[in-house]
Amino acid sequence: MTQTEMREPTMLVLASLAGGRKHGYALIADATDLSAGRVKLKAGTLYAVLDRLVEQRLVQIAGDEVVDGRNRRYFEITAQGIDALEGEARRLEANAAAARARIAGWRPAGTGQLQFGWIS
């Protein structure tokens, strides 16, 4: 089966949920941590991703609770979600390995510096 590219927010939500069930705010914070601060999900983006993942059965609702008068909905990853996340991790690793191999071809032996064909 062909693996299609997964958008980064989707991958980060699945990666976060692979660590255990979480509610929305915890998912936003964890996605920021997982991306070393590069990705800061907005609530609208997060819930659009979660709605799509629930529809695709990659994530499921794992309960609700009221905290300080506010409803928290929890989500958890499914076995299908783990499979999709694993497939995306493999796809990214393969692309990174191919890029590293090409980069290595541009380094003159022993210099550690890049050399481009038109610039020496």
N, C-alpha and C. Protein backbone atom coordinates (compact mmCIF):
# COMPACT_ATOMS: atom_id res chain seq x y z
N MET A 1 0.84 -1.18 0.00
CA MET A 1 0.00 0.00 0.00
C MET A 1 0.88 1.24 0.00
N THR A 2 0.52 2.24 -0.78
CA THR A 2 1.28 3.47 -0.87
C THR A 2 0.96 4.36 0.32
N GLN A 3 2.00 4.87 0.95
CA GLN A 3 1.84 5.77 2.08
C GLN A 3 1.81 7.20 1.56
N THR A 4 0.74 7.94 1.84
CA THR A 4 0.70 9.33 1.44
C THR A 4 1.28 10.18 2.56
N GLU A 5 1.73 11.36 2.18
CA GLU A 5 2.35 12.27 3.14
C GLU A 5 1.34 12.70 4.19
N MET A 6 1.80 12.72 5.43
CA MET A 6 0.98 13.17 6.55
C MET A 6 1.43 14.59 6.90
N ARG A 7 0.50 15.47 7.10
CA ARG A 7 0.86 16.84 7.50
C ARG A 7 1.48 16.83 8.89
N GLU A 8 2.37 17.77 9.13
CA GLU A 8 3.10 17.80 10.40
C GLU A 8 2.19 17.90 11.62
N PRO A 9 1.16 18.76 11.64
CA PRO A 9 0.29 18.79 12.82
C PRO A 9 -0.36 17.43 13.11
N THR A 10 -0.76 16.73 12.05
CA THR A 10 -1.36 15.40 12.22
C THR A 10 -0.36 14.43 12.83
N MET A 11 0.86 14.43 12.30
CA MET A 11 1.89 13.55 12.82
C MET A 11 2.20 13.86 14.28
N LEU A 12 2.26 15.13 14.63
CA LEU A 12 2.56 15.51 16.01
C LEU A 12 1.43 15.12 16.97
N VAL A 13 0.19 15.24 16.53
CA VAL A 13 -0.94 14.83 17.37
C VAL A 13 -0.88 13.32 17.61
N LEU A 14 -0.64 12.55 16.54
CA LEU A 14 -0.54 11.10 16.71
C LEU A 14 0.65 10.73 17.59
N ALA A 15 1.79 11.39 17.40
CA ALA A 15 2.97 11.11 18.22
C ALA A 15 2.69 11.42 19.69
N SER A 16 2.00 12.51 19.93
CA SER A 16 1.65 12.88 21.30
C SER A 16 0.75 11.82 21.93
N LEU A 17 -0.26 11.40 21.18
CA LEU A 17 -1.20 10.40 21.71
C LEU A 17 -0.56 9.02 21.86
N ALA A 18 0.52 8.76 21.12
CA ALA A 18 1.23 7.49 21.29
C ALA A 18 1.84 7.42 22.70
N GLY A 19 1.99 8.56 23.34
CA GLY A 19 2.48 8.60 24.72
C GLY A 19 1.39 8.46 25.76
N GLY A 20 0.14 8.35 25.35
CA GLY A 20 -0.97 8.19 26.29
C GLY A 20 -2.09 9.16 25.98
N ARG A 21 -3.24 8.89 26.57
CA ARG A 21 -4.42 9.73 26.31
C ARG A 21 -4.20 11.14 26.83
N LYS A 22 -4.77 12.11 26.10
CA LYS A 22 -4.59 13.51 26.47
C LYS A 22 -5.84 14.30 26.08
N HIS A 23 -6.00 15.45 26.72
CA HIS A 23 -7.04 16.40 26.34
C HIS A 23 -6.41 17.48 25.46
N GLY A 24 -7.24 18.36 24.91
CA GLY A 24 -6.79 19.34 23.92
C GLY A 24 -5.61 20.18 24.33
N TYR A 25 -5.68 20.82 25.51
CA TYR A 25 -4.58 21.70 25.92
C TYR A 25 -3.28 20.91 26.07
N ALA A 26 -3.35 19.71 26.62
CA ALA A 26 -2.15 18.88 26.76
C ALA A 26 -1.58 18.50 25.40
N LEU A 27 -2.45 18.27 24.41
CA LEU A 27 -1.99 17.96 23.06
C LEU A 27 -1.27 19.16 22.44
N ILE A 28 -1.81 20.34 22.63
CA ILE A 28 -1.17 21.55 22.11
C ILE A 28 0.22 21.72 22.72
N ALA A 29 0.32 21.58 24.03
CA ALA A 29 1.60 21.73 24.72
C ALA A 29 2.59 20.66 24.29
N ASP A 30 2.13 19.42 24.16
CA ASP A 30 3.03 18.33 23.78
C ASP A 30 3.51 18.46 22.34
N ALA A 31 2.64 18.91 21.45
CA ALA A 31 3.05 19.12 20.05
C ALA A 31 4.15 20.18 19.98
N THR A 32 4.03 21.22 20.80
CA THR A 32 5.07 22.25 20.86
C THR A 32 6.38 21.64 21.35
N ASP A 33 6.30 20.82 22.40
CA ASP A 33 7.51 20.15 22.93
C ASP A 33 8.12 19.20 21.91
N LEU A 34 7.29 18.38 21.28
CA LEU A 34 7.79 17.41 20.30
C LEU A 34 8.49 18.08 19.12
N SER A 35 8.03 19.27 18.76
CA SER A 35 8.61 19.99 17.62
C SER A 35 9.69 20.98 18.05
N ALA A 36 10.13 20.89 19.29
CA ALA A 36 11.14 21.81 19.83
C ALA A 36 10.72 23.27 19.63
N GLY A 37 9.41 23.53 19.76
CA GLY A 37 8.90 24.88 19.68
C GLY A 37 8.58 25.39 18.28
N ARG A 38 8.86 24.60 17.24
CA ARG A 38 8.59 25.04 15.87
C ARG A 38 7.11 25.11 15.55
N VAL A 39 6.34 24.18 16.12
CA VAL A 39 4.91 24.09 15.80
C VAL A 39 4.10 24.44 17.04
N LYS A 40 3.26 25.45 16.90
CA LYS A 40 2.36 25.86 17.99
C LYS A 40 0.94 25.77 17.46
N LEU A 41 0.29 24.66 17.74
CA LEU A 41 -1.06 24.43 17.23
C LEU A 41 -2.05 25.40 17.86
N LYS A 42 -2.92 25.92 17.03
CA LYS A 42 -4.05 26.71 17.50
C LYS A 42 -5.21 25.74 17.77
N ALA A 43 -6.10 26.13 18.64
CA ALA A 43 -7.22 25.25 19.01
C ALA A 43 -8.02 24.82 17.78
N GLY A 44 -8.28 25.74 16.87
CA GLY A 44 -9.05 25.41 15.67
C GLY A 44 -8.37 24.36 14.81
N THR A 45 -7.06 24.50 14.66
CA THR A 45 -6.29 23.51 13.90
C THR A 45 -6.32 22.17 14.59
N LEU A 46 -6.08 22.16 15.91
CA LEU A 46 -6.07 20.92 16.67
C LEU A 46 -7.39 20.18 16.53
N TYR A 47 -8.51 20.86 16.73
CA TYR A 47 -9.79 20.16 16.71
C TYR A 47 -10.19 19.73 15.30
N ALA A 48 -9.75 20.45 14.28
CA ALA A 48 -9.98 19.99 12.91
C ALA A 48 -9.19 18.70 12.66
N VAL A 49 -7.94 18.66 13.14
CA VAL A 49 -7.12 17.44 13.01
C VAL A 49 -7.76 16.30 13.78
N LEU A 50 -8.17 16.55 15.02
CA LEU A 50 -8.79 15.49 15.83
C LEU A 50 -10.08 14.98 15.21
N ASP A 51 -10.92 15.87 14.69
CA ASP A 51 -12.17 15.44 14.05
C ASP A 51 -11.86 14.51 12.88
N ARG A 52 -10.87 14.89 12.07
CA ARG A 52 -10.50 14.06 10.91
C ARG A 52 -9.94 12.72 11.36
N LEU A 53 -9.08 12.73 12.39
CA LEU A 53 -8.47 11.48 12.87
C LEU A 53 -9.50 10.55 13.50
N VAL A 54 -10.48 11.11 14.18
CA VAL A 54 -11.56 10.29 14.75
C VAL A 54 -12.37 9.67 13.60
N GLU A 55 -12.67 10.48 12.59
CA GLU A 55 -13.42 9.98 11.43
C GLU A 55 -12.66 8.85 10.73
N GLN A 56 -11.34 8.97 10.66
CA GLN A 56 -10.50 7.96 10.01
C GLN A 56 -10.19 6.77 10.93
N ARG A 57 -10.68 6.83 12.15
CA ARG A 57 -10.48 5.79 13.17
C ARG A 57 -9.01 5.61 13.57
N LEU A 58 -8.23 6.69 13.45
CA LEU A 58 -6.84 6.67 13.90
C LEU A 58 -6.75 7.12 15.36
N VAL A 59 -7.80 7.81 15.81
CA VAL A 59 -7.91 8.33 17.18
C VAL A 59 -9.35 8.08 17.62
N GLN A 60 -9.52 7.90 18.91
CA GLN A 60 -10.88 7.77 19.44
C GLN A 60 -11.03 8.63 20.69
N ILE A 61 -12.28 8.99 20.97
CA ILE A 61 -12.58 9.75 22.18
C ILE A 61 -12.44 8.79 23.35
N ALA A 62 -11.74 9.26 24.39
CA ALA A 62 -11.44 8.40 25.54
C ALA A 62 -12.04 8.94 26.82
N GLY A 63 -13.11 9.70 26.71
CA GLY A 63 -13.82 10.16 27.89
C GLY A 63 -13.82 11.67 28.03
N ASP A 64 -14.70 12.11 28.92
CA ASP A 64 -14.85 13.53 29.24
C ASP A 64 -14.82 13.68 30.75
N GLU A 65 -14.35 14.84 31.19
CA GLU A 65 -14.45 15.16 32.61
C GLU A 65 -14.58 16.66 32.75
N VAL A 66 -15.15 17.09 33.85
CA VAL A 66 -15.30 18.51 34.12
C VAL A 66 -14.22 18.90 35.13
N VAL A 67 -13.42 19.91 34.75
CA VAL A 67 -12.36 20.42 35.62
C VAL A 67 -12.57 21.92 35.74
N ASP A 68 -12.74 22.40 36.97
CA ASP A 68 -12.98 23.83 37.22
C ASP A 68 -14.15 24.36 36.39
N GLY A 69 -15.19 23.56 36.26
CA GLY A 69 -16.38 23.96 35.54
C GLY A 69 -16.27 23.88 34.02
N ARG A 70 -15.14 23.40 33.53
CA ARG A 70 -14.95 23.30 32.07
C ARG A 70 -14.85 21.84 31.66
N ASN A 71 -15.47 21.53 30.54
CA ASN A 71 -15.44 20.15 30.04
C ASN A 71 -14.11 19.88 29.33
N ARG A 72 -13.49 18.76 29.68
CA ARG A 72 -12.28 18.30 28.99
C ARG A 72 -12.60 17.00 28.29
N ARG A 73 -12.32 16.96 27.01
CA ARG A 73 -12.49 15.73 26.24
C ARG A 73 -11.11 15.13 26.03
N TYR A 74 -11.01 13.84 26.33
CA TYR A 74 -9.75 13.12 26.18
C TYR A 74 -9.78 12.28 24.90
N PHE A 75 -8.61 12.13 24.32
CA PHE A 75 -8.45 11.35 23.09
C PHE A 75 -7.34 10.34 23.29
N GLU A 76 -7.43 9.22 22.55
CA GLU A 76 -6.36 8.23 22.57
C GLU A 76 -6.17 7.68 21.16
N ILE A 77 -4.95 7.23 20.90
CA ILE A 77 -4.62 6.68 19.59
C ILE A 77 -5.14 5.24 19.50
N THR A 78 -5.51 4.82 18.31
CA THR A 78 -5.96 3.45 18.07
C THR A 78 -4.81 2.64 17.47
N ALA A 79 -5.01 1.34 17.32
CA ALA A 79 -4.01 0.49 16.66
C ALA A 79 -3.77 0.97 15.23
N GLN A 80 -4.83 1.38 14.54
CA GLN A 80 -4.68 1.93 13.18
C GLN A 80 -3.86 3.21 13.21
N GLY A 81 -4.04 4.00 14.24
CA GLY A 81 -3.27 5.24 14.39
C GLY A 81 -1.79 4.97 14.59
N ILE A 82 -1.49 3.95 15.40
CA ILE A 82 -0.09 3.56 15.60
C ILE A 82 0.52 3.11 14.27
N ASP A 83 -0.23 2.32 13.51
CA ASP A 83 0.26 1.86 12.20
C ASP A 83 0.52 3.05 11.27
N ALA A 84 -0.39 4.01 11.25
CA ALA A 84 -0.22 5.19 10.38
C ALA A 84 0.99 6.01 10.83
N LEU A 85 1.16 6.19 12.14
CA LEU A 85 2.30 6.93 12.66
C LEU A 85 3.61 6.22 12.33
N GLU A 86 3.64 4.91 12.48
CA GLU A 86 4.84 4.13 12.14
C GLU A 86 5.16 4.27 10.65
N GLY A 87 4.15 4.22 9.79
CA GLY A 87 4.36 4.38 8.36
C GLY A 87 4.93 5.75 8.02
N GLU A 88 4.41 6.78 8.68
CA GLU A 88 4.91 8.13 8.44
C GLU A 88 6.35 8.27 8.92
N ALA A 89 6.66 7.70 10.09
CA ALA A 89 8.04 7.75 10.60
C ALA A 89 9.00 7.07 9.63
N ARG A 90 8.60 5.94 9.09
CA ARG A 90 9.44 5.24 8.11
C ARG A 90 9.62 6.06 6.84
N ARG A 91 8.54 6.69 6.36
CA ARG A 91 8.62 7.51 5.16
C ARG A 91 9.59 8.67 5.36
N LEU A 92 9.47 9.35 6.51
CA LEU A 92 10.36 10.47 6.81
C LEU A 92 11.82 10.01 6.95
N GLU A 93 12.02 8.88 7.61
CA GLU A 93 13.38 8.34 7.76
C GLU A 93 13.99 7.99 6.40
N ALA A 94 13.22 7.40 5.52
CA ALA A 94 13.72 7.04 4.18
C ALA A 94 14.09 8.29 3.39
N ASN A 95 13.24 9.32 3.46
CA ASN A 95 13.54 10.57 2.77
C ASN A 95 14.79 11.24 3.34
N ALA A 96 14.92 11.22 4.66
CA ALA A 96 16.10 11.82 5.29
C ALA A 96 17.36 11.06 4.92
N ALA A 97 17.29 9.73 4.87
CA ALA A 97 18.46 8.92 4.50
C ALA A 97 18.86 9.21 3.06
N ALA A 98 17.89 9.34 2.17
CA ALA A 98 18.20 9.66 0.77
C ALA A 98 18.84 11.04 0.66
N ALA A 99 18.34 11.99 1.41
CA ALA A 99 18.92 13.34 1.39
C ALA A 99 20.34 13.33 1.94
N ARG A 100 20.57 12.59 3.05
CA ARG A 100 21.92 12.50 3.61
C ARG A 100 22.90 11.87 2.63
N ALA A 101 22.45 10.87 1.91
CA ALA A 101 23.31 10.22 0.92
C ALA A 101 23.69 11.20 -0.19
N ARG A 102 22.75 12.00 -0.62
CA ARG A 102 23.05 12.99 -1.67
C ARG A 102 23.99 14.07 -1.13
N ILE A 103 23.76 14.51 0.10
CA ILE A 103 24.62 15.53 0.72
C ILE A 103 26.05 15.00 0.83
N ALA A 104 26.19 13.74 1.23
CA ALA A 104 27.52 13.14 1.38
C ALA A 104 28.29 13.16 0.06
N GLY A 105 27.59 13.05 -1.05
CA GLY A 105 28.22 13.08 -2.37
C GLY A 105 28.79 14.45 -2.72
N TRP A 106 28.37 15.48 -2.04
CA TRP A 106 28.85 16.83 -2.31
C TRP A 106 30.00 17.24 -1.42
N ARG A 107 30.38 16.41 -0.48
CA ARG A 107 31.48 16.75 0.43
C ARG A 107 32.79 16.18 -0.10
N PRO A 108 33.78 17.03 -0.34
CA PRO A 108 35.10 16.50 -0.72
C PRO A 108 35.64 15.66 0.44
N ALA A 109 36.24 14.56 0.13
CA ALA A 109 36.74 13.62 1.15
C ALA A 109 37.62 14.35 2.17
N GLY A 110 37.30 14.13 3.43
CA GLY A 110 38.13 14.63 4.52
C GLY A 110 37.95 16.08 4.89
N THR A 111 37.13 16.85 4.16
CA THR A 111 37.00 18.28 4.48
C THR A 111 35.82 18.58 5.37
N GLY A 112 34.78 17.77 5.27
CA GLY A 112 33.57 18.04 6.05
C GLY A 112 32.80 19.25 5.53
N GLN A 113 33.27 19.87 4.44
CA GLN A 113 32.60 21.04 3.89
C GLN A 113 31.88 20.67 2.59
N LEU A 114 30.80 21.37 2.35
CA LEU A 114 30.05 21.13 1.12
C LEU A 114 30.78 21.76 -0.05
N GLN A 115 30.72 21.08 -1.19
CA GLN A 115 31.28 21.63 -2.42
C GLN A 115 30.25 21.41 -3.52
N PHE A 116 29.84 22.48 -4.14
CA PHE A 116 28.86 22.37 -5.20
C PHE A 116 29.57 22.40 -6.54
N GLY A 117 29.01 21.72 -7.53
CA GLY A 117 29.64 21.58 -8.83
C GLY A 117 30.01 22.89 -9.48
N TRP A 118 29.24 23.93 -9.23
CA TRP A 118 29.51 25.21 -9.88
C TRP A 118 30.27 26.18 -8.98
N ILE A 119 30.48 25.80 -7.72
CA ILE A 119 31.23 26.64 -6.77
C ILE A 119 32.26 25.74 -6.10
N SER A 120 33.52 26.14 -6.08
CA SER A 120 34.51 25.32 -5.36
C SER A 120 35.14 26.08 -4.24
